[in-house]
Amino acid sequence: MKRIFITGICGFLGSNLALYFQSLGYKVYGIDNLSRRGSEKNFKILKNRNIKIFKADLKKSNSINLFKKEKSFAAFIHCAALTSVLDGTNNISTEFLYENNILSTLNSLRLCKFLKSKFIYISSSRVYSINKLNELKFRIAKNKFQLINKKNHTTSSKGVNENFSVNSPLSLYGSSKLMCENLVAEYCNFNNILFVINRCGLLAGSGQLFKNDQGIISYWINSWKKRKKLNYIGFGGNGYQVRDCLHPEDLSNLINQQIKFLYKKKLKEKIFNVSGGAKSAFSLKELSQWCSKNIFFKKVGYQNKIRPFDLKWIILDNTKVKKFFQWQIKISKTEIFEDILFNDD
């Protein structure tokens, strides 16, 4: 039986990956320190499915001693990390952010080397420069910011591609993810480990933690259902900010394709934008209109404050990854909204 190893296995993405690969016949292993709210619930679900979970802190060096002897693994998927762009400036200290994300990545690479596996790293769209993104020119149309299309080698109507600037400022969180990308590339190249880096956009679906910094769609829809106050923040207070989104099932399908590809040949390209792209893009205003239509009418307030990491617009151009792996996105943004509305408690 083929085996796969997933870090952060009890988180939103990790648990979805675990169930997906088990459904394909894999024996699934993973590690999680169960520090995040909601992870205990996922731990019980996965344990009941006979998925092997190590309760350990991946940022500690002794966490690599999980196996007394080497086992054969098809792939090692590293998605254990702090996930909020506010981390390092909120109740999570800067020191803890970098310690957690970087050391957990280093120890994942060490474990991957021992297991003689392929390495797949889940990075973030937040590695792209905040200043360069906010310097792009936009018009307001159809209740959202729309890019004034000046096609060049980094930007088009499809979004920003992998050549877009990664110069500071990124946010402390974004810089930690970029550092980890560089660590993955250096370590894997030196140790002849085949690897892929997936720069993921907004991942969304049922089972998230309902916090605005860890899944805005889930937070918005669930707050709407519970009649909690919601506010548009900054950029004129109209909710015109735009993101794209992707369901974890579509990401799982892609990773499965990537694993198959890595067993055939080495990749010339290692870094890919992974998102729903322009077809999945939405503004907060559009999401509010959907909620008014499908839940009940509600007015959204406005807070007149500027936050340093907020963006008017970020859509990832997913052309390269779709072409390279013949990847097709099956779950639309509307289906993502419905999944959250009808399947979250």
Protein backbone atom coordinates (compact mmCIF):
# COMPACT_ATOMS: atom_id res chain seq x y z
CA MET A 1 0.00 0.00 0.00
CA LYS A 2 1.27 3.47 -0.89
CA ARG A 3 1.98 5.82 2.01
CA ILE A 4 1.78 9.59 2.31
CA PHE A 5 2.88 11.90 5.13
CA ILE A 6 1.14 15.21 5.94
CA THR A 7 2.29 17.83 8.44
CA GLY A 8 -0.38 19.89 10.16
CA ILE A 9 -2.68 16.97 9.45
CA CYS A 10 -5.39 18.08 11.90
CA GLY A 11 -5.75 21.55 10.41
CA PHE A 12 -8.28 22.58 7.77
CA LEU A 13 -6.12 21.73 4.77
CA GLY A 14 -4.25 18.83 6.35
CA SER A 15 -7.40 16.98 7.37
CA ASN A 16 -8.93 17.45 3.93
CA LEU A 17 -5.76 16.10 2.29
CA ALA A 18 -5.71 13.14 4.66
CA LEU A 19 -9.27 12.06 3.87
CA TYR A 20 -8.74 12.62 0.15
CA PHE A 21 -5.62 10.47 -0.10
CA GLN A 22 -7.13 7.78 2.10
CA SER A 23 -10.04 7.64 -0.36
CA LEU A 24 -7.48 6.91 -3.10
CA GLY A 25 -6.16 3.92 -1.17
CA TYR A 26 -3.15 5.52 0.53
CA LYS A 27 -2.03 4.67 4.04
CA VAL A 28 -1.98 8.16 5.58
CA TYR A 29 0.43 9.34 8.27
CA GLY A 30 0.76 12.79 9.75
CA ILE A 31 1.93 15.01 12.56
CA ASP A 32 0.20 17.80 14.49
CA ASN A 33 0.76 19.54 17.81
CA LEU A 34 -3.00 20.17 18.14
CA SER A 35 -2.39 23.79 19.12
CA ARG A 36 -5.11 25.34 16.98
CA ARG A 37 -8.75 25.55 17.93
CA GLY A 38 -10.69 22.88 16.06
CA SER A 39 -7.73 20.55 15.61
CA GLU A 40 -8.88 18.18 18.39
CA LYS A 41 -12.15 17.63 16.52
CA ASN A 42 -10.29 16.79 13.32
CA PHE A 43 -7.91 14.56 15.29
CA LYS A 44 -10.83 12.40 16.48
CA ILE A 45 -12.31 12.20 12.98
CA LEU A 46 -9.02 11.11 11.44
CA LYS A 47 -8.19 8.63 14.22
CA ASN A 48 -11.60 7.03 13.73
CA ARG A 49 -10.61 6.55 10.09
CA ASN A 50 -7.44 4.68 11.16
CA ILE A 51 -5.15 7.47 10.03
CA LYS A 52 -1.84 7.40 11.91
CA ILE A 53 -1.22 10.71 13.70
CA PHE A 54 1.85 11.62 15.73
CA LYS A 55 1.14 14.17 18.46
CA ALA A 56 4.35 16.16 18.37
CA ASP A 57 5.76 19.64 17.90
CA LEU A 58 7.39 19.73 14.50
CA LYS A 59 9.56 22.72 15.31
CA LYS A 60 11.46 20.65 17.89
CA SER A 61 14.35 18.63 16.55
CA ASN A 62 13.31 15.40 18.29
CA SER A 63 10.15 15.35 16.19
CA ILE A 64 12.13 13.87 13.31
CA ASN A 65 12.59 10.64 15.29
CA LEU A 66 9.07 9.47 14.50
CA PHE A 67 10.09 6.26 12.78
CA LYS A 68 12.36 3.61 14.24
CA LYS A 69 13.05 2.39 10.75
CA GLU A 70 12.69 3.82 7.31
CA LYS A 71 9.41 3.42 5.46
CA SER A 72 8.64 4.12 1.82
CA PHE A 73 6.44 7.20 1.20
CA ALA A 74 5.03 8.43 -2.08
CA ALA A 75 5.18 12.04 -0.95
CA PHE A 76 5.68 14.33 2.02
CA ILE A 77 3.23 17.27 2.09
CA HIS A 78 4.23 20.12 4.38
CA CYS A 79 1.31 22.35 5.33
CA ALA A 80 2.02 22.86 9.04
CA ALA A 81 2.43 26.58 9.67
CA LEU A 82 0.86 29.59 11.25
CA THR A 83 -1.57 30.91 8.67
CA SER A 84 -2.62 34.48 9.39
CA VAL A 85 -1.10 37.49 7.66
CA LEU A 86 -1.44 39.24 11.04
CA ASP A 87 0.79 36.71 12.84
CA GLY A 88 3.83 38.36 14.34
CA THR A 89 1.84 41.52 15.03
CA ASN A 90 -1.10 40.07 16.98
CA ASN A 91 -1.10 37.81 20.04
CA ILE A 92 1.48 35.62 18.28
CA SER A 93 4.93 37.12 18.73
CA THR A 94 7.34 37.78 15.88
CA GLU A 95 9.84 35.38 17.44
CA PHE A 96 7.30 32.56 17.67
CA LEU A 97 6.12 33.12 14.07
CA TYR A 98 9.59 32.70 12.59
CA GLU A 99 10.58 29.92 14.97
CA ASN A 100 7.44 27.95 14.19
CA ASN A 101 7.33 28.33 10.42
CA ILE A 102 11.04 28.01 9.70
CA LEU A 103 12.01 25.28 12.16
CA SER A 104 8.95 23.20 11.30
CA THR A 105 9.97 23.43 7.63
CA LEU A 106 13.59 22.48 8.36
CA ASN A 107 12.57 19.48 10.43
CA SER A 108 10.04 18.45 7.78
CA LEU A 109 12.84 18.46 5.22
CA ARG A 110 15.04 16.37 7.51
CA LEU A 111 12.25 13.83 8.00
CA CYS A 112 11.52 13.81 4.27
CA LYS A 113 15.18 13.05 3.56
CA PHE A 114 15.10 10.12 5.99
CA LEU A 115 11.96 8.78 4.33
CA LYS A 116 13.47 9.25 0.85
CA SER A 117 10.29 10.97 -0.26
CA LYS A 118 9.21 13.74 -2.62
CA PHE A 119 8.53 17.09 -0.95
CA ILE A 120 5.48 19.29 -1.59
CA TYR A 121 5.43 22.63 0.18
CA ILE A 122 2.26 24.65 0.72
CA SER A 123 3.28 28.29 0.45
CA SER A 124 1.15 31.41 0.14
CA SER A 125 0.13 34.22 -2.19
CA ARG A 126 1.36 36.48 0.61
CA VAL A 127 4.93 36.14 -0.67
CA TYR A 128 4.05 38.83 -3.22
CA SER A 129 4.92 42.45 -2.51
CA ILE A 130 2.22 44.50 -0.78
CA ASN A 131 3.50 47.79 -2.21
CA LYS A 132 3.70 46.46 -5.77
CA LEU A 133 0.20 45.00 -5.54
CA ASN A 134 -1.26 48.23 -4.19
CA GLU A 135 0.55 50.25 -6.87
CA LEU A 136 -1.43 48.48 -9.60
CA LYS A 137 -4.11 50.63 -11.25
CA PHE A 138 -7.77 49.79 -10.67
CA ARG A 139 -11.19 50.99 -11.65
CA ILE A 140 -14.36 50.42 -9.65
CA ALA A 141 -16.93 48.45 -11.62
CA LYS A 142 -19.64 45.95 -10.73
CA ASN A 143 -19.09 46.35 -6.98
CA LYS A 144 -15.40 45.51 -7.01
CA PHE A 145 -11.93 46.73 -7.85
CA GLN A 146 -11.02 45.72 -11.39
CA LEU A 147 -7.46 45.78 -12.68
CA ILE A 148 -6.83 48.26 -15.48
CA ASN A 149 -5.21 45.75 -17.75
CA LYS A 150 -1.71 46.70 -18.79
CA LYS A 151 -0.40 43.31 -19.72
CA ASN A 152 3.27 42.72 -18.95
CA HIS A 153 5.52 39.83 -17.92
CA THR A 154 4.08 39.74 -14.38
CA THR A 155 0.45 40.86 -14.60
CA SER A 156 -2.57 40.42 -16.86
CA SER A 157 -6.34 40.13 -16.64
CA LYS A 158 -5.73 36.58 -15.36
CA GLY A 159 -3.93 37.94 -12.30
CA VAL A 160 -0.33 38.12 -11.10
CA ASN A 161 1.96 35.33 -12.22
CA GLU A 162 4.94 33.68 -10.58
CA ASN A 163 7.30 36.43 -11.79
CA PHE A 164 5.57 39.15 -9.76
CA SER A 165 7.72 40.97 -7.21
CA VAL A 166 8.49 39.27 -3.91
CA ASN A 167 10.32 42.31 -2.58
CA SER A 168 9.55 43.62 0.90
CA PRO A 169 7.15 44.57 2.38
CA LEU A 170 5.32 41.24 2.40
CA SER A 171 4.18 41.11 6.06
CA LEU A 172 6.08 39.20 8.73
CA TYR A 173 4.00 36.14 7.88
CA GLY A 174 4.66 36.50 4.15
CA SER A 175 8.39 36.88 4.69
CA SER A 176 8.44 33.70 6.79
CA LYS A 177 6.79 31.80 3.92
CA LEU A 178 9.29 33.20 1.40
CA MET A 179 12.18 32.22 3.69
CA CYS A 180 10.72 28.71 3.84
CA GLU A 181 10.46 28.59 0.04
CA ASN A 182 14.17 29.39 -0.20
CA LEU A 183 14.98 26.85 2.50
CA VAL A 184 13.02 24.16 0.67
CA ALA A 185 14.77 24.92 -2.64
CA GLU A 186 18.28 24.96 -1.13
CA TYR A 187 17.82 21.86 1.01
CA CYS A 188 16.13 19.81 -1.70
CA ASN A 189 18.60 20.78 -4.41
CA PHE A 190 21.57 19.95 -2.16
CA ASN A 191 20.08 16.60 -1.09
CA ASN A 192 18.60 15.63 -4.49
CA ILE A 193 15.03 15.66 -3.23
CA LEU A 194 12.35 16.25 -5.87
CA PHE A 195 10.07 19.07 -4.75
CA VAL A 196 7.21 21.39 -5.67
CA ILE A 197 6.28 24.74 -4.11
CA ASN A 198 2.59 25.66 -4.35
CA ARG A 199 1.83 29.33 -3.71
CA CYS A 200 -1.79 29.00 -2.66
CA GLY A 201 -4.43 31.68 -2.74
CA LEU A 202 -7.43 31.73 -0.41
CA LEU A 203 -8.40 28.16 0.52
CA ALA A 204 -12.02 27.90 1.59
CA GLY A 205 -14.69 25.37 2.42
CA SER A 206 -16.67 23.94 5.30
CA GLY A 207 -14.76 23.09 8.45
CA GLN A 208 -12.71 26.25 8.88
CA LEU A 209 -12.36 28.10 12.16
CA PHE A 210 -14.69 31.06 11.51
CA LYS A 211 -11.96 33.62 12.24
CA ASN A 212 -11.60 36.59 9.90
CA ASP A 213 -7.83 36.17 9.61
CA GLN A 214 -8.00 32.44 8.84
CA GLY A 215 -10.71 32.15 6.22
CA ILE A 216 -12.65 35.28 5.33
CA ILE A 217 -15.39 33.44 3.41
CA SER A 218 -16.14 31.09 6.30
CA TYR A 219 -15.98 33.96 8.78
CA TRP A 220 -18.29 36.15 6.69
CA ILE A 221 -20.95 33.53 5.95
CA ASN A 222 -21.02 32.08 9.47
CA SER A 223 -21.11 35.56 11.04
CA TRP A 224 -23.98 36.41 8.72
CA LYS A 225 -25.90 33.29 9.74
CA LYS A 226 -25.38 34.10 13.42
CA ARG A 227 -26.44 37.73 12.96
CA LYS A 228 -23.05 39.04 14.11
CA LYS A 229 -21.96 42.54 13.20
CA LEU A 230 -19.77 42.77 10.09
CA ASN A 231 -17.74 45.72 8.83
CA TYR A 232 -15.94 46.66 5.65
CA ILE A 233 -12.51 47.95 6.65
CA GLY A 234 -10.55 50.53 4.64
CA PHE A 235 -10.46 51.32 0.91
CA GLY A 236 -13.52 53.56 1.11
CA GLY A 237 -15.64 51.20 3.19
CA ASN A 238 -17.56 49.69 0.26
CA GLY A 239 -16.22 46.14 0.33
CA TYR A 240 -14.67 46.34 -3.13
CA GLN A 241 -11.55 44.35 -2.12
CA VAL A 242 -11.04 41.28 -4.32
CA ARG A 243 -9.61 37.80 -3.66
CA ASP A 244 -9.84 34.52 -5.50
CA CYS A 245 -10.61 31.22 -3.78
CA LEU A 246 -10.02 27.49 -4.08
CA HIS A 247 -11.62 24.46 -2.44
CA PRO A 248 -9.22 21.98 -0.75
CA GLU A 249 -10.62 19.15 -2.87
CA ASP A 250 -9.33 20.86 -6.01
CA LEU A 251 -5.94 21.40 -4.35
CA SER A 252 -5.90 17.72 -3.36
CA ASN A 253 -6.56 16.72 -6.96
CA LEU A 254 -3.66 18.88 -8.09
CA ILE A 255 -1.25 17.45 -5.52
CA ASN A 256 -2.19 13.96 -6.63
CA GLN A 257 -1.28 14.95 -10.20
CA GLN A 258 1.99 16.46 -8.99
CA ILE A 259 2.97 13.28 -7.15
CA LYS A 260 2.36 11.22 -10.29
CA PHE A 261 4.41 13.67 -12.33
CA LEU A 262 7.35 13.61 -9.90
CA TYR A 263 7.59 9.84 -10.27
CA LYS A 264 7.98 10.19 -14.03
CA LYS A 265 10.59 12.93 -14.31
CA LYS A 266 12.15 15.96 -12.70
CA LEU A 267 10.34 19.26 -12.89
CA LYS A 268 12.01 22.12 -14.71
CA GLU A 269 9.59 24.47 -12.98
CA LYS A 270 9.32 24.22 -9.20
CA ILE A 271 7.09 27.14 -8.12
CA PHE A 272 3.42 27.41 -9.08
CA ASN A 273 0.54 29.75 -8.33
CA VAL A 274 -2.29 27.56 -7.10
CA SER A 275 -5.68 29.23 -6.88
CA GLY A 276 -9.10 29.41 -8.43
CA GLY A 277 -7.89 32.32 -10.56
CA ALA A 278 -10.02 35.02 -12.12
CA LYS A 279 -13.11 32.78 -12.44
CA SER A 280 -13.23 32.33 -8.68
CA ALA A 281 -12.58 35.98 -7.76
CA PHE A 282 -15.08 37.90 -5.64
CA SER A 283 -15.28 41.10 -3.64
CA LEU A 284 -16.59 41.37 -0.10
CA LYS A 285 -19.49 43.38 -1.52
CA GLU A 286 -20.35 40.52 -3.89
CA LEU A 287 -20.10 38.03 -1.03
CA SER A 288 -22.47 40.21 1.02
CA GLN A 289 -24.94 40.34 -1.87
CA TRP A 290 -24.83 36.55 -2.09
CA CYS A 291 -25.45 36.28 1.66
CA SER A 292 -28.40 38.71 1.46
CA LYS A 293 -29.93 36.62 -1.31
CA ASN A 294 -29.28 33.19 0.19
CA ILE A 295 -29.51 33.80 3.96
CA PHE A 296 -31.32 37.04 4.80
CA PHE A 297 -30.87 40.76 4.20
CA LYS A 298 -28.38 42.46 6.47
CA LYS A 299 -26.52 45.77 6.44
CA VAL A 300 -22.73 45.79 6.70
CA GLY A 301 -20.97 48.53 8.66
CA TYR A 302 -17.70 50.35 8.05
CA GLN A 303 -14.54 50.89 10.08
CA ASN A 304 -12.38 53.78 8.95
CA LYS A 305 -8.95 52.41 9.74
CA ILE A 306 -5.91 51.44 7.75
CA ARG A 307 -4.23 48.09 8.33
CA PRO A 308 -0.70 47.64 6.99
CA PHE A 309 -1.20 44.23 5.33
CA ASP A 310 -4.55 44.81 3.62
CA LEU A 311 -4.78 44.61 -0.17
CA LYS A 312 -7.26 46.04 -2.64
CA TRP A 313 -6.88 43.12 -4.98
CA ILE A 314 -5.00 39.89 -5.38
CA ILE A 315 -5.82 37.28 -8.00
CA LEU A 316 -3.29 34.60 -8.87
CA ASP A 317 -2.74 33.69 -12.49
CA ASN A 318 -2.98 29.89 -12.42
CA THR A 319 -2.24 29.39 -16.14
CA LYS A 320 1.11 27.67 -15.62
CA VAL A 321 -0.02 25.08 -13.09
CA LYS A 322 -3.16 24.20 -15.07
CA LYS A 323 -1.17 23.68 -18.25
CA PHE A 324 1.75 21.87 -16.65
CA PHE A 325 -0.33 19.27 -14.79
CA GLN A 326 -3.48 19.26 -16.95
CA TRP A 327 -5.30 20.42 -13.85
CA GLN A 328 -8.96 21.36 -13.97
CA ILE A 329 -10.80 23.23 -11.22
CA LYS A 330 -14.14 21.56 -10.55
CA ILE A 331 -15.61 23.47 -7.60
CA SER A 332 -16.82 27.00 -8.35
CA LYS A 333 -16.85 29.92 -5.91
CA THR A 334 -20.63 29.61 -5.59
CA GLU A 335 -20.27 25.94 -4.67
CA ILE A 336 -17.65 26.93 -2.08
CA PHE A 337 -20.08 29.47 -0.58
CA GLU A 338 -22.83 26.81 -0.51
CA ASP A 339 -20.52 24.23 1.07
CA ILE A 340 -19.84 26.62 3.95
CA LEU A 341 -23.47 27.72 4.30
CA PHE A 342 -25.00 24.25 4.39
CA ASN A 343 -22.24 22.10 5.92
CA ASP A 344 -20.82 24.20 8.76
CA ASP A 345 -22.41 23.73 12.17
